[in-house]
Protein backbone atom coordinates (compact mmCIF):
# COMPACT_ATOMS: atom_id res chain seq x y z
CA MET A 1 65.53 87.36 95.18
CA SER A 2 62.23 88.95 94.22
CA ARG A 3 60.61 91.91 95.90
CA SER A 4 57.90 89.61 97.28
CA ASP A 5 60.58 87.73 99.25
CA HIS A 6 61.08 90.86 101.35
CA SER A 7 57.52 91.25 102.62
CA VAL A 8 56.70 92.67 106.03
CA THR A 9 53.32 93.52 107.48
CA ASP A 10 51.21 96.18 105.76
CA VAL A 11 52.23 99.13 107.87
CA ALA A 12 52.39 102.80 107.01
CA ILE A 13 54.20 105.35 109.11
CA ALA A 14 52.07 108.25 110.33
CA PRO A 15 53.38 111.60 109.06
CA ASP A 16 54.70 112.62 112.49
CA ASP A 17 56.31 109.25 113.22
CA ASN A 18 59.87 108.22 112.53
CA PRO A 19 60.11 105.77 109.58
CA VAL A 20 63.29 104.16 110.96
CA GLY A 21 61.03 101.95 113.11
CA LEU A 22 59.50 100.34 110.01
CA VAL A 23 62.97 99.80 108.55
CA GLU A 24 64.02 98.20 111.83
CA GLU A 25 60.99 95.85 111.72
CA TYR A 26 61.94 94.85 108.18
CA ILE A 27 65.56 94.15 109.17
CA ILE A 28 64.43 92.10 112.16
CA SER A 29 62.04 90.12 109.94
CA GLN A 30 65.00 89.25 107.70
CA ASP A 31 66.98 88.07 110.75
CA TRP A 32 69.86 90.45 110.02
CA ASN A 33 72.11 91.88 112.72
CA SER A 34 71.29 95.48 113.53
CA GLU A 35 71.82 98.20 116.08
CA ARG A 36 69.79 101.33 116.65
CA SER A 37 72.27 104.19 117.22
CA ASN A 38 69.51 106.60 118.23
CA GLU A 39 65.89 107.23 117.32
CA HIS A 40 66.84 108.49 113.83
CA GLU A 41 69.65 106.06 112.92
CA LEU A 42 70.00 102.34 112.36
CA TRP A 43 73.01 100.21 111.43
CA ALA A 44 72.60 96.74 109.97
CA GLU A 45 74.63 93.99 108.32
CA LEU A 46 73.27 92.85 104.98
CA PRO A 47 74.40 89.36 104.02
CA SER A 48 75.89 89.08 100.55
CA GLN A 49 77.74 86.52 98.51
CA TRP A 50 80.65 89.01 98.60
CA GLY A 51 80.71 89.36 102.40
CA ASN A 52 78.45 91.36 104.68
CA GLN A 53 77.73 94.93 103.67
CA ARG A 54 77.12 97.69 106.23
CA LEU A 55 73.80 99.50 105.95
CA TRP A 56 73.25 102.86 107.62
CA VAL A 57 69.70 104.23 107.61
CA VAL A 58 69.08 107.75 108.83
CA PHE A 59 65.95 109.88 108.97
CA HIS A 60 66.51 113.62 108.64
CA ASP A 61 63.61 114.97 110.68
CA ASP A 62 64.14 118.56 109.49
CA THR A 63 63.88 117.70 105.76
CA GLY A 64 61.75 114.55 105.97
CA PHE A 65 64.31 112.60 103.94
CA LEU A 66 64.99 108.93 104.67
CA GLN A 67 68.50 107.98 103.59
CA PHE A 68 69.89 104.47 103.01
CA ASN A 69 73.68 104.05 102.65
CA CYS A 70 75.08 100.59 101.92
CA TYR A 71 78.87 100.49 102.33
CA LEU A 72 80.46 97.76 100.24
CA ASN A 73 83.10 95.59 101.86
CA LEU A 74 85.88 96.84 99.56
CA LYS A 75 88.52 99.49 100.20
CA ILE A 76 89.82 101.33 97.13
CA PRO A 77 93.55 102.11 97.16
CA PRO A 78 94.40 105.71 96.18
CA ARG A 79 96.14 104.58 92.97
CA GLN A 80 92.87 102.91 91.83
CA MET A 81 90.52 105.78 92.68
CA VAL A 82 90.21 107.12 89.11
CA PRO A 83 89.42 103.77 87.42
CA ALA A 84 87.05 102.90 90.31
CA ALA A 85 85.23 106.22 89.83
CA GLN A 86 84.99 105.56 86.08
CA THR A 87 83.54 102.14 86.83
CA ILE A 88 80.98 103.65 89.19
CA THR A 89 79.93 106.12 86.48
CA LEU A 90 79.27 103.18 84.13
CA MET A 91 77.45 101.29 86.87
CA ASN A 92 75.16 104.24 87.59
CA GLU A 93 74.06 104.28 83.94
CA ARG A 94 72.49 100.87 84.59
CA VAL A 95 70.84 101.51 87.97
CA TRP A 96 67.16 102.44 88.20
CA LEU A 97 66.77 103.26 91.89
CA GLY A 98 69.65 104.74 93.86
CA HIS A 99 73.25 105.37 92.86
CA PHE A 100 76.81 104.36 93.66
CA GLU A 101 79.49 106.74 94.88
CA ILE A 102 82.81 106.57 96.69
CA TRP A 103 82.82 107.61 100.32
CA SER A 104 86.02 109.64 100.35
CA GLU A 105 86.61 109.42 104.10
CA GLU A 106 87.19 105.65 103.99
CA GLN A 107 87.65 105.11 100.23
CA VAL A 108 84.82 102.57 100.02
CA PRO A 109 82.03 102.28 97.45
CA VAL A 110 78.58 103.18 98.76
CA PHE A 111 75.17 102.49 97.27
CA ARG A 112 72.82 105.29 98.29
CA VAL A 113 69.06 105.76 98.09
CA VAL A 114 67.30 108.85 99.44
CA LEU A 115 63.54 108.90 99.80
CA PRO A 116 61.87 112.29 100.29
CA LEU A 117 58.92 111.63 102.58
CA ARG A 118 58.09 115.22 103.58
CA LYS A 119 55.20 114.26 105.87
CA ALA A 120 54.06 111.49 103.51
CA LEU A 121 53.59 107.91 104.63
CA LEU A 122 56.37 105.36 104.18
CA GLN A 123 54.68 102.40 102.54
CA GLU A 124 55.75 98.78 102.83
CA THR A 125 56.10 98.55 99.05
CA GLN A 126 58.47 101.52 98.99
CA LEU A 127 60.65 99.92 101.64
CA GLU A 128 60.61 96.58 99.81
CA ASP A 129 61.64 98.27 96.54
CA ILE A 130 64.48 100.15 98.22
CA MET A 131 65.81 97.09 100.05
CA ALA A 132 65.55 94.96 96.90
CA SER A 133 67.41 97.59 94.90
CA ILE A 134 70.17 97.81 97.52
CA GLN A 135 70.65 94.05 97.56
CA GLU A 136 70.34 93.48 93.82
CA GLU A 137 72.61 96.32 92.73
CA THR A 138 75.35 95.67 95.28
CA GLU A 139 75.36 91.96 94.42
CA ARG A 140 75.46 92.71 90.70
CA PHE A 141 78.15 95.39 90.69
CA PHE A 142 80.46 94.49 93.58
CA PRO A 143 82.52 92.23 91.29
CA ALA A 144 82.90 95.00 88.69
CA ILE A 145 84.58 97.33 91.17
CA GLN A 146 86.68 94.48 92.54
CA TRP A 147 87.84 93.46 89.03
CA VAL A 148 89.00 97.02 88.37
CA VAL A 149 90.61 97.59 91.77
CA TRP A 150 92.29 94.19 92.22
CA GLY A 151 91.94 92.33 88.91
CA GLY A 152 93.50 94.79 86.50
CA LYS A 153 90.39 95.06 84.31
CA THR A 154 89.33 98.26 82.59
CA PRO A 155 86.02 99.77 83.72
CA GLU A 156 84.44 98.73 80.40
CA GLU A 157 85.65 95.13 80.73
CA ALA A 158 84.41 94.92 84.31
CA ILE A 159 80.95 96.27 83.46
CA ALA A 160 80.64 93.94 80.47
CA ALA A 161 81.53 90.96 82.68
CA ALA A 162 79.08 92.03 85.42
CA ILE A 163 76.26 92.35 82.92
CA VAL A 164 76.99 88.97 81.27
CA GLU A 165 77.03 87.22 84.64
CA THR A 166 73.75 88.86 85.66
CA GLU A 167 72.06 87.83 82.42
CA GLY A 168 73.32 84.25 82.92
CA GLU A 169 71.78 83.80 86.37
CA ALA A 170 68.13 82.85 86.78
């Protein structure tokens, strides 16, 4: 999926406005399920070939940071936490925008992007880049974590397989 497939109207958020509204418009334009928790938070389901992922978007009004957290549909058993963390370290070496981590409270991998707006305008192209990165990276690396956690692969084997598969798809 290319970044141009994610287009919404050319809208910029005024410095005093909440950028979660633009994110909500984007999610609605994609026909994804979503729920607005409050004026600063949005939950959505992102469809994936590996099952729906949960996306939580939150705007921190005091800092001006817009945070995107995509929770992968994969629980990591305690005995697999170290190899999963090693895999995530290798994954992060190959990610341009955002990073993976393990949310310790639920033992699930999370892909996170934080955008410091600080009274700047949120541009459509920024939102498209962030959403494309979230979708592309979670699609690409979900199998790597799964192969380590449930398939008995080493982190290096899992990353090598994820990269070969990605290069083979057009």
